[in-house]
Amino acid sequence: MSASARSQTIDISLTVNGRPVQASVEPRLSLLDFLREELDLTGAKKGCNRGECGTCTVLVDGRRVNSCLVLAASASNHEVVTVEGLAKDGELHPVQQAFIEADALQCGFCTSGQIISAVACIEEGHAGSTEEIREWMSGNLCRCSCYPQIAEAVEMAARRMEADNA
């Protein structure tokens, strides 16, 4: 790649965790690297960098995506939510609280991706049973095998969120 090709940038404008962001990025920069390196939002982790593990899961316009597979430029004019953007006014999101209460983490490496995916799973209406949760959370891997606790946390959060919306 020539030096001039490497120095080309694209101007992007997006909302990240409720805040407007404008930046100039290289066309090949992933959303994950943009969040981590440019915005210092390190909650989304770089695991496999191939979209296989889910540690980099974020929400784009409310849909979960593996941010390692999305170009930052393609997120322009969209809303991105990372695990750092879930808590409101110093209060944890119900899913974050449920993960703590259910002890749904060990090493913590996959936790932010699991939490974001769990939020989407509940909002998509896929938290009706343990089996359904496991199916819809299957794109997020946990090497510590906390799957029973993760499913319990999702069920707990779903019940609380449903009660709060009733």
C-alpha atoms as a PDB file:
ATOM      1  CA  MET A   1       0.000   0.000   0.000  1.00  0.00           C
ATOM      2  CA  SER A   2       1.412   3.391  -0.943  1.00  0.00           C
ATOM      3  CA  ALA A   3       2.033   6.107   1.647  1.00  0.00           C
ATOM      4  CA  SER A   4      -0.703   8.246   0.105  1.00  0.00           C
ATOM      5  CA  ALA A   5      -3.232   5.405   0.370  1.00  0.00           C
ATOM      6  CA  ARG A   6      -2.341   4.903   4.055  1.00  0.00           C
ATOM      7  CA  SER A   7      -2.779   8.588   4.819  1.00  0.00           C
ATOM      8  CA  GLN A   8      -6.294   8.838   3.353  1.00  0.00           C
ATOM      9  CA  THR A   9      -8.998   9.278   5.938  1.00  0.00           C
ATOM     10  CA  ILE A  10     -12.773   9.385   6.053  1.00  0.00           C
ATOM     11  CA  ASP A  11     -14.700  11.827   8.204  1.00  0.00           C
ATOM     12  CA  ILE A  12     -17.296  10.109  10.354  1.00  0.00           C
ATOM     13  CA  SER A  13     -19.993  11.352  12.680  1.00  0.00           C
ATOM     14  CA  LEU A  14     -21.748   9.021  15.088  1.00  0.00           C
ATOM     15  CA  THR A  15     -23.204   8.844  18.562  1.00  0.00           C
ATOM     16  CA  VAL A  16     -21.349   6.737  21.120  1.00  0.00           C
ATOM     17  CA  ASN A  17     -23.010   6.117  24.476  1.00  0.00           C
ATOM     18  CA  GLY A  18     -25.271   9.110  23.926  1.00  0.00           C
ATOM     19  CA  ARG A  19     -22.466  11.518  22.995  1.00  0.00           C
ATOM     20  CA  PRO A  20     -21.869  12.872  19.492  1.00  0.00           C
ATOM     21  CA  VAL A  21     -18.473  11.949  18.073  1.00  0.00           C
ATOM     22  CA  GLN A  22     -16.752  13.288  14.983  1.00  0.00           C
ATOM     23  CA  ALA A  23     -13.455  11.893  13.763  1.00  0.00           C
ATOM     24  CA  SER A  24     -11.281  11.259  10.742  1.00  0.00           C
ATOM     25  CA  VAL A  25     -10.415   7.587  10.419  1.00  0.00           C
ATOM     26  CA  GLU A  26      -8.575   5.319   8.037  1.00  0.00           C
ATOM     27  CA  PRO A  27     -11.064   3.461   5.823  1.00  0.00           C
ATOM     28  CA  ARG A  28      -9.858   0.077   7.098  1.00  0.00           C
ATOM     29  CA  LEU A  29     -10.111   0.877  10.843  1.00  0.00           C
ATOM     30  CA  SER A  30     -12.497  -1.457  12.666  1.00  0.00           C
ATOM     31  CA  LEU A  31     -15.159  -0.099  14.973  1.00  0.00           C
ATOM     32  CA  LEU A  32     -13.513  -2.070  17.788  1.00  0.00           C
ATOM     33  CA  ASP A  33     -10.147  -0.397  17.249  1.00  0.00           C
ATOM     34  CA  PHE A  34     -11.814   3.009  16.908  1.00  0.00           C
ATOM     35  CA  LEU A  35     -13.639   2.569  20.219  1.00  0.00           C
ATOM     36  CA  ARG A  36     -10.584   1.257  22.042  1.00  0.00           C
ATOM     37  CA  GLU A  37      -7.790   3.329  20.508  1.00  0.00           C
ATOM     38  CA  GLU A  38      -9.458   6.591  19.562  1.00  0.00           C
ATOM     39  CA  LEU A  39     -12.169   6.914  22.246  1.00  0.00           C
ATOM     40  CA  ASP A  40     -10.435   4.969  25.052  1.00  0.00           C
ATOM     41  CA  LEU A  41     -13.538   2.805  25.545  1.00  0.00           C
ATOM     42  CA  THR A  42     -11.871  -0.470  26.414  1.00  0.00           C
ATOM     43  CA  GLY A  43     -14.927  -2.432  27.580  1.00  0.00           C
ATOM     44  CA  ALA A  44     -15.260  -4.198  24.236  1.00  0.00           C
ATOM     45  CA  LYS A  45     -12.334  -6.611  24.125  1.00  0.00           C
ATOM     46  CA  LYS A  46     -10.257  -7.818  21.217  1.00  0.00           C
ATOM     47  CA  GLY A  47     -10.524 -11.578  21.508  1.00  0.00           C
ATOM     48  CA  CYS A  48     -10.342 -13.528  18.274  1.00  0.00           C
ATOM     49  CA  ASN A  49     -10.607 -10.473  15.968  1.00  0.00           C
ATOM     50  CA  ARG A  50     -12.567 -12.723  13.556  1.00  0.00           C
ATOM     51  CA  GLY A  51     -16.118 -12.447  14.912  1.00  0.00           C
ATOM     52  CA  GLU A  52     -16.073 -15.869  16.553  1.00  0.00           C
ATOM     53  CA  CYS A  53     -15.969 -15.133  20.292  1.00  0.00           C
ATOM     54  CA  GLY A  54     -18.251 -12.142  20.934  1.00  0.00           C
ATOM     55  CA  THR A  55     -15.959 -10.335  23.390  1.00  0.00           C
ATOM     56  CA  CYS A  56     -16.203  -7.217  21.224  1.00  0.00           C
ATOM     57  CA  THR A  57     -20.018  -7.115  21.058  1.00  0.00           C
ATOM     58  CA  VAL A  58     -21.562  -3.632  20.983  1.00  0.00           C
ATOM     59  CA  LEU A  59     -24.972  -2.330  19.992  1.00  0.00           C
ATOM     60  CA  VAL A  60     -25.332  -0.401  16.741  1.00  0.00           C
ATOM     61  CA  ASP A  61     -28.772   1.157  16.471  1.00  0.00           C
ATOM     62  CA  GLY A  62     -29.921  -1.341  19.108  1.00  0.00           C
ATOM     63  CA  ARG A  63     -28.635  -4.418  17.266  1.00  0.00           C
ATOM     64  CA  ARG A  64     -25.733  -6.429  18.572  1.00  0.00           C
ATOM     65  CA  VAL A  65     -22.695  -6.621  16.331  1.00  0.00           C
ATOM     66  CA  ASN A  66     -19.174  -7.936  16.603  1.00  0.00           C
ATOM     67  CA  SER A  67     -17.309  -4.642  16.431  1.00  0.00           C
ATOM     68  CA  CYS A  68     -14.166  -6.360  15.146  1.00  0.00           C
ATOM     69  CA  LEU A  69     -16.051  -7.100  11.893  1.00  0.00           C
ATOM     70  CA  VAL A  70     -17.549  -3.624  11.404  1.00  0.00           C
ATOM     71  CA  LEU A  71     -15.605  -0.761   9.899  1.00  0.00           C
ATOM     72  CA  ALA A  72     -15.687   2.450  11.914  1.00  0.00           C
ATOM     73  CA  ALA A  73     -16.652   4.289   8.717  1.00  0.00           C
ATOM     74  CA  SER A  74     -19.766   2.136   8.358  1.00  0.00           C
ATOM     75  CA  ALA A  75     -20.894   3.210  11.840  1.00  0.00           C
ATOM     76  CA  SER A  76     -21.116   6.817  10.680  1.00  0.00           C
ATOM     77  CA  ASN A  77     -24.591   8.283  11.210  1.00  0.00           C
ATOM     78  CA  HIS A  78     -25.451   5.471  13.640  1.00  0.00           C
ATOM     79  CA  GLU A  79     -25.758   5.107  17.402  1.00  0.00           C
ATOM     80  CA  VAL A  80     -23.253   2.859  19.179  1.00  0.00           C
ATOM     81  CA  VAL A  81     -23.628   1.656  22.748  1.00  0.00           C
ATOM     82  CA  THR A  82     -20.793  -0.047  24.598  1.00  0.00           C
ATOM     83  CA  VAL A  83     -20.826  -1.588  28.060  1.00  0.00           C
ATOM     84  CA  GLU A  84     -19.574   1.758  29.390  1.00  0.00           C
ATOM     85  CA  GLY A  85     -22.809   3.381  28.200  1.00  0.00           C
ATOM     86  CA  LEU A  86     -25.287   1.092  29.963  1.00  0.00           C
ATOM     87  CA  ALA A  87     -25.228   2.556  33.481  1.00  0.00           C
ATOM     88  CA  LYS A  88     -27.377   5.667  33.946  1.00  0.00           C
ATOM     89  CA  ASP A  89     -26.930   8.314  36.627  1.00  0.00           C
ATOM     90  CA  GLY A  90     -24.480   6.115  38.524  1.00  0.00           C
ATOM     91  CA  GLU A  91     -26.901   3.184  38.621  1.00  0.00           C
ATOM     92  CA  LEU A  92     -25.986  -0.084  36.941  1.00  0.00           C
ATOM     93  CA  HIS A  93     -28.155  -1.404  34.132  1.00  0.00           C
ATOM     94  CA  PRO A  94     -30.338  -4.314  35.365  1.00  0.00           C
ATOM     95  CA  VAL A  95     -28.240  -6.748  33.317  1.00  0.00           C
ATOM     96  CA  GLN A  96     -25.005  -5.499  34.871  1.00  0.00           C
ATOM     97  CA  GLN A  97     -26.514  -5.821  38.346  1.00  0.00           C
ATOM     98  CA  ALA A  98     -27.826  -9.311  37.601  1.00  0.00           C
ATOM     99  CA  PHE A  99     -24.398 -10.455  36.385  1.00  0.00           C
ATOM    100  CA  ILE A 100     -22.934  -9.407  39.729  1.00  0.00           C
ATOM    101  CA  GLU A 101     -25.700 -11.034  41.769  1.00  0.00           C
ATOM    102  CA  ALA A 102     -25.611 -14.297  39.784  1.00  0.00           C
ATOM    103  CA  ASP A 103     -21.803 -14.386  39.898  1.00  0.00           C
ATOM    104  CA  ALA A 104     -21.885 -14.673  36.107  1.00  0.00           C
ATOM    105  CA  LEU A 105     -18.212 -13.960  35.619  1.00  0.00           C
ATOM    106  CA  GLN A 106     -14.869 -15.350  36.565  1.00  0.00           C
ATOM    107  CA  CYS A 107     -11.946 -13.903  34.635  1.00  0.00           C
ATOM    108  CA  GLY A 108     -14.148 -11.113  33.263  1.00  0.00           C
ATOM    109  CA  PHE A 109     -12.681 -11.084  29.752  1.00  0.00           C
ATOM    110  CA  CYS A 110     -15.950 -12.005  28.014  1.00  0.00           C
ATOM    111  CA  THR A 111     -18.205 -10.182  30.477  1.00  0.00           C
ATOM    112  CA  SER A 112     -18.715  -6.902  28.622  1.00  0.00           C
ATOM    113  CA  GLY A 113     -19.631  -8.716  25.400  1.00  0.00           C
ATOM    114  CA  GLN A 114     -21.886 -11.082  27.339  1.00  0.00           C
ATOM    115  CA  ILE A 115     -23.640  -8.159  29.043  1.00  0.00           C
ATOM    116  CA  ILE A 116     -24.219  -6.251  25.797  1.00  0.00           C
ATOM    117  CA  SER A 117     -25.486  -9.412  24.122  1.00  0.00           C
ATOM    118  CA  ALA A 118     -27.747 -10.117  27.104  1.00  0.00           C
ATOM    119  CA  VAL A 119     -29.260  -6.620  26.870  1.00  0.00           C
ATOM    120  CA  ALA A 120     -30.023  -7.241  23.197  1.00  0.00           C
ATOM    121  CA  CYS A 121     -31.308 -10.760  23.893  1.00  0.00           C
ATOM    122  CA  ILE A 122     -33.834  -9.382  26.370  1.00  0.00           C
ATOM    123  CA  GLU A 123     -34.842  -6.438  24.184  1.00  0.00           C
ATOM    124  CA  GLU A 124     -35.287  -8.789  21.199  1.00  0.00           C
ATOM    125  CA  GLY A 125     -37.691 -10.902  23.269  1.00  0.00           C
ATOM    126  CA  HIS A 126     -35.460 -13.980  23.409  1.00  0.00           C
ATOM    127  CA  ALA A 127     -35.266 -14.464  27.171  1.00  0.00           C
ATOM    128  CA  GLY A 128     -38.314 -16.694  27.637  1.00  0.00           C
ATOM    129  CA  SER A 129     -36.441 -19.769  28.845  1.00  0.00           C
ATOM    130  CA  THR A 130     -32.972 -20.963  29.714  1.00  0.00           C
ATOM    131  CA  GLU A 131     -32.800 -22.857  26.422  1.00  0.00           C
ATOM    132  CA  GLU A 132     -33.827 -19.801  24.415  1.00  0.00           C
ATOM    133  CA  ILE A 133     -31.289 -17.622  26.229  1.00  0.00           C
ATOM    134  CA  ARG A 134     -28.523 -20.146  25.601  1.00  0.00           C
ATOM    135  CA  GLU A 135     -29.420 -20.280  21.900  1.00  0.00           C
ATOM    136  CA  TRP A 136     -29.518 -16.501  21.442  1.00  0.00           C
ATOM    137  CA  MET A 137     -26.371 -15.962  23.521  1.00  0.00           C
ATOM    138  CA  SER A 138     -24.433 -18.711  21.722  1.00  0.00           C
ATOM    139  CA  GLY A 139     -22.302 -16.212  19.783  1.00  0.00           C
ATOM    140  CA  ASN A 140     -20.614 -15.159  23.015  1.00  0.00           C
ATOM    141  CA  LEU A 141     -18.051 -17.608  24.316  1.00  0.00           C
ATOM    142  CA  CYS A 142     -16.905 -17.935  27.932  1.00  0.00           C
ATOM    143  CA  ARG A 143     -13.719 -19.884  28.506  1.00  0.00           C
ATOM    144  CA  CYS A 144     -14.472 -20.105  32.235  1.00  0.00           C
ATOM    145  CA  SER A 145     -17.746 -21.922  31.476  1.00  0.00           C
ATOM    146  CA  CYS A 146     -20.023 -19.572  33.432  1.00  0.00           C
ATOM    147  CA  TYR A 147     -22.901 -20.407  31.106  1.00  0.00           C
ATOM    148  CA  PRO A 148     -25.351 -21.496  33.860  1.00  0.00           C
ATOM    149  CA  GLN A 149     -24.722 -18.280  35.809  1.00  0.00           C
ATOM    150  CA  ILE A 150     -24.946 -16.165  32.642  1.00  0.00           C
ATOM    151  CA  ALA A 151     -28.319 -17.687  31.749  1.00  0.00           C
ATOM    152  CA  GLU A 152     -29.488 -17.124  35.330  1.00  0.00           C
ATOM    153  CA  ALA A 153     -28.376 -13.475  35.165  1.00  0.00           C
ATOM    154  CA  VAL A 154     -30.222 -12.928  31.882  1.00  0.00           C
ATOM    155  CA  GLU A 155     -33.400 -14.494  33.294  1.00  0.00           C
ATOM    156  CA  MET A 156     -33.106 -12.381  36.451  1.00  0.00           C
ATOM    157  CA  ALA A 157     -32.582  -9.159  34.490  1.00  0.00           C
ATOM    158  CA  ALA A 158     -35.406  -9.966  32.077  1.00  0.00           C
ATOM    159  CA  ARG A 159     -37.842 -10.434  34.979  1.00  0.00           C
ATOM    160  CA  ARG A 160     -36.745  -7.161  36.580  1.00  0.00           C
ATOM    161  CA  MET A 161     -36.932  -5.227  33.328  1.00  0.00           C
ATOM    162  CA  GLU A 162     -40.382  -6.639  32.615  1.00  0.00           C
ATOM    163  CA  ALA A 163     -41.563  -5.675  36.103  1.00  0.00           C
ATOM    164  CA  ASP A 164     -40.113  -2.158  35.690  1.00  0.00           C
ATOM    165  CA  ASN A 165     -41.972  -1.732  32.382  1.00  0.00           C
ATOM    166  CA  ALA A 166     -45.294  -3.066  33.735  1.00  0.00           C
END
